[in-house]
Amino acid sequence: MQSNHLIDADDGDKDIAWALSDIARLATAEFMRRVKAMNLPVSQAQGRILLRLLRQNGQTQTELAESMGMEKAPLGVLIDKMESTDLIKRRPDPKDGRMRRVFLTDRGEALCPAMDEVSEQLLADMFAGLSQMQRLQLGQGLDHIMRNLIMQRNSQ
């Protein structure tokens, strides 16, 4: 009998892992499609940086690279470009002048509400039809997976 589900959890953990990857890819592509439809002047990577800084402004380039799963050098190129278009600004760390922190500029911050609106609508669309209980269980399962991965990374 053929299933109506895209993910067949009975086929093992690999299907679930592939689904997580596909969901991230599809959500990112849909987010960028919506951002482009609003004529916002940012690339996918730039949008991710702006939203990360909106959550925690003043991160070091290393912190930003780790949170985005990027190497520091390619992130540095993006930051250079974003700084040249006045979306972000690097400033010396007040406690350690050797470190530089990355901050949103007024121009960068002005783009965030529209991108946040896109994000909120996309999340509503993604989770439509799931009950609160299903959302809670999904969140708990994903949290558990993330903790397992973080423990593995930290034990290396």
Protein backbone atom coordinates (compact mmCIF):
# COMPACT_ATOMS: atom_id res chain seq x y z
CA MET A 1 0.00 0.00 0.00
CA GLN A 2 1.34 3.42 -0.97
CA SER A 3 1.63 6.11 1.72
CA ASN A 4 0.38 9.69 1.30
CA HIS A 5 3.30 10.88 3.41
CA LEU A 6 6.50 12.36 2.02
CA ILE A 7 8.41 10.95 5.01
CA ASP A 8 8.07 7.30 5.93
CA ALA A 9 9.46 7.10 9.46
CA ASP A 10 9.16 3.30 9.22
CA ASP A 11 11.98 3.37 6.66
CA GLY A 12 14.38 4.52 9.34
CA ASP A 13 16.16 7.51 10.71
CA LYS A 14 17.78 8.32 7.36
CA ASP A 15 14.41 9.42 5.91
CA ILE A 16 13.88 11.74 8.86
CA ALA A 17 17.42 13.15 8.55
CA TRP A 18 16.92 13.75 4.81
CA ALA A 19 13.59 15.40 5.55
CA LEU A 20 15.23 17.79 8.04
CA SER A 21 17.74 18.78 5.39
CA ASP A 22 15.04 19.18 2.73
CA ILE A 23 12.84 21.25 5.04
CA ALA A 24 15.73 23.63 5.79
CA ARG A 25 16.49 23.96 2.06
CA LEU A 26 12.84 24.48 1.08
CA ALA A 27 12.19 26.98 3.89
CA THR A 28 15.30 28.98 2.98
CA ALA A 29 14.36 29.06 -0.69
CA GLU A 30 10.80 30.14 0.12
CA PHE A 31 12.04 32.80 2.53
CA MET A 32 14.30 34.26 -0.16
CA ARG A 33 11.53 34.11 -2.77
CA ARG A 34 9.36 36.19 -0.46
CA VAL A 35 12.19 38.60 0.38
CA LYS A 36 12.87 39.15 -3.33
CA ALA A 37 9.14 39.73 -3.94
CA MET A 38 9.35 42.59 -1.41
CA ASN A 39 12.37 44.02 -3.30
CA LEU A 40 14.60 43.88 -0.22
CA PRO A 41 18.24 44.46 -1.26
CA VAL A 42 19.83 41.45 0.45
CA SER A 43 21.12 38.05 -0.56
CA GLN A 44 20.21 34.89 1.33
CA ALA A 45 23.45 34.94 3.31
CA GLN A 46 23.16 38.67 4.04
CA GLY A 47 19.60 38.17 5.27
CA ARG A 48 20.77 35.42 7.61
CA ILE A 49 23.49 37.70 9.00
CA LEU A 50 21.06 40.58 9.56
CA LEU A 51 18.56 38.34 11.35
CA ARG A 52 21.30 36.76 13.51
CA LEU A 53 22.50 40.24 14.50
CA LEU A 54 18.93 41.31 15.20
CA ARG A 55 18.76 38.43 17.71
CA GLN A 56 22.18 39.16 19.19
CA ASN A 57 23.83 42.35 17.99
CA GLY A 58 27.55 42.80 18.55
CA GLN A 59 28.79 39.28 17.88
CA THR A 60 32.38 38.63 16.91
CA GLN A 61 33.01 37.35 13.40
CA THR A 62 33.96 33.98 14.94
CA GLU A 63 30.68 33.77 16.89
CA LEU A 64 28.72 34.72 13.80
CA ALA A 65 30.56 32.16 11.66
CA GLU A 66 29.91 29.39 14.18
CA SER A 67 26.21 30.23 14.55
CA MET A 68 25.79 30.22 10.76
CA GLY A 69 27.88 27.12 10.10
CA MET A 70 30.32 29.07 7.91
CA GLU A 71 34.07 29.45 7.75
CA LYS A 72 35.42 32.81 8.92
CA ALA A 73 37.05 33.78 5.60
CA PRO A 74 33.92 33.57 3.40
CA LEU A 75 31.93 35.27 6.15
CA GLY A 76 34.55 38.02 6.19
CA VAL A 77 33.96 38.64 2.48
CA LEU A 78 30.20 38.94 3.12
CA ILE A 79 30.77 41.26 6.06
CA ASP A 80 33.08 43.45 3.93
CA LYS A 81 30.37 43.75 1.27
CA MET A 82 27.65 44.46 3.84
CA GLU A 83 29.84 47.07 5.51
CA SER A 84 30.44 48.77 2.14
CA THR A 85 26.66 49.04 1.64
CA ASP A 86 26.15 50.36 5.19
CA LEU A 87 24.14 47.36 6.44
CA ILE A 88 26.55 46.51 9.26
CA LYS A 89 29.54 48.05 11.00
CA ARG A 90 32.56 46.50 12.72
CA ARG A 91 33.72 48.09 15.96
CA PRO A 92 36.53 47.20 18.36
CA ASP A 93 35.51 45.21 21.44
CA PRO A 94 35.59 47.62 24.43
CA LYS A 95 37.29 44.99 26.63
CA ASP A 96 39.68 43.54 24.05
CA GLY A 97 40.79 45.93 21.32
CA ARG A 98 42.17 43.03 19.23
CA MET A 99 38.63 41.72 18.68
CA ARG A 100 36.08 43.40 16.48
CA ARG A 101 32.35 43.06 16.94
CA VAL A 102 29.73 43.24 14.20
CA PHE A 103 26.71 45.53 14.66
CA LEU A 104 23.66 46.42 12.61
CA THR A 105 23.64 49.95 11.22
CA ASP A 106 20.44 51.98 11.12
CA ARG A 107 20.06 50.97 7.45
CA GLY A 108 20.54 47.28 8.27
CA GLU A 109 18.18 47.46 11.20
CA ALA A 110 15.54 49.16 9.03
CA LEU A 111 15.41 46.06 6.79
CA CYS A 112 14.83 43.67 9.69
CA PRO A 113 11.13 44.33 10.40
CA ALA A 114 10.20 43.42 6.81
CA MET A 115 12.38 40.30 6.90
CA ASP A 116 10.96 39.40 10.31
CA GLU A 117 7.44 39.78 8.89
CA VAL A 118 8.35 37.43 6.04
CA SER A 119 9.78 34.99 8.57
CA GLU A 120 6.67 35.09 10.79
CA GLN A 121 4.34 34.49 7.84
CA LEU A 122 6.51 31.66 6.53
CA LEU A 123 6.51 29.99 9.95
CA ALA A 124 2.73 30.30 10.14
CA ASP A 125 2.46 28.69 6.71
CA MET A 126 4.95 25.95 7.61
CA PHE A 127 3.18 24.95 10.81
CA ALA A 128 -0.38 25.34 9.52
CA GLY A 129 -2.45 22.29 10.37
CA LEU A 130 -0.25 21.13 13.25
CA SER A 131 -1.86 21.12 16.67
CA GLN A 132 -0.15 22.72 19.67
CA MET A 133 0.65 19.21 20.92
CA GLN A 134 2.26 18.24 17.60
CA ARG A 135 4.30 21.44 17.62
CA LEU A 136 5.42 20.79 21.20
CA GLN A 137 6.41 17.19 20.40
CA LEU A 138 8.25 18.27 17.25
CA GLY A 139 10.11 20.96 19.19
CA GLN A 140 11.06 18.51 21.94
CA GLY A 141 12.31 15.96 19.43
CA LEU A 142 14.36 18.53 17.53
CA ASP A 143 15.75 19.94 20.79
CA HIS A 144 16.88 16.45 21.76
CA ILE A 145 18.60 15.93 18.39
CA MET A 146 20.34 19.32 18.67
CA ARG A 147 21.58 18.51 22.19
CA ASN A 148 22.96 15.17 20.97
CA LEU A 149 24.85 16.90 18.18
CA ILE A 150 26.19 19.63 20.48
CA MET A 151 27.37 16.99 22.96
CA GLN A 152 29.17 15.16 20.14
CA ARG A 153 30.82 18.37 18.94
CA ASN A 154 31.90 19.35 22.45
CA SER A 155 33.35 15.91 23.20
CA GLN A 156 35.77 16.15 20.27
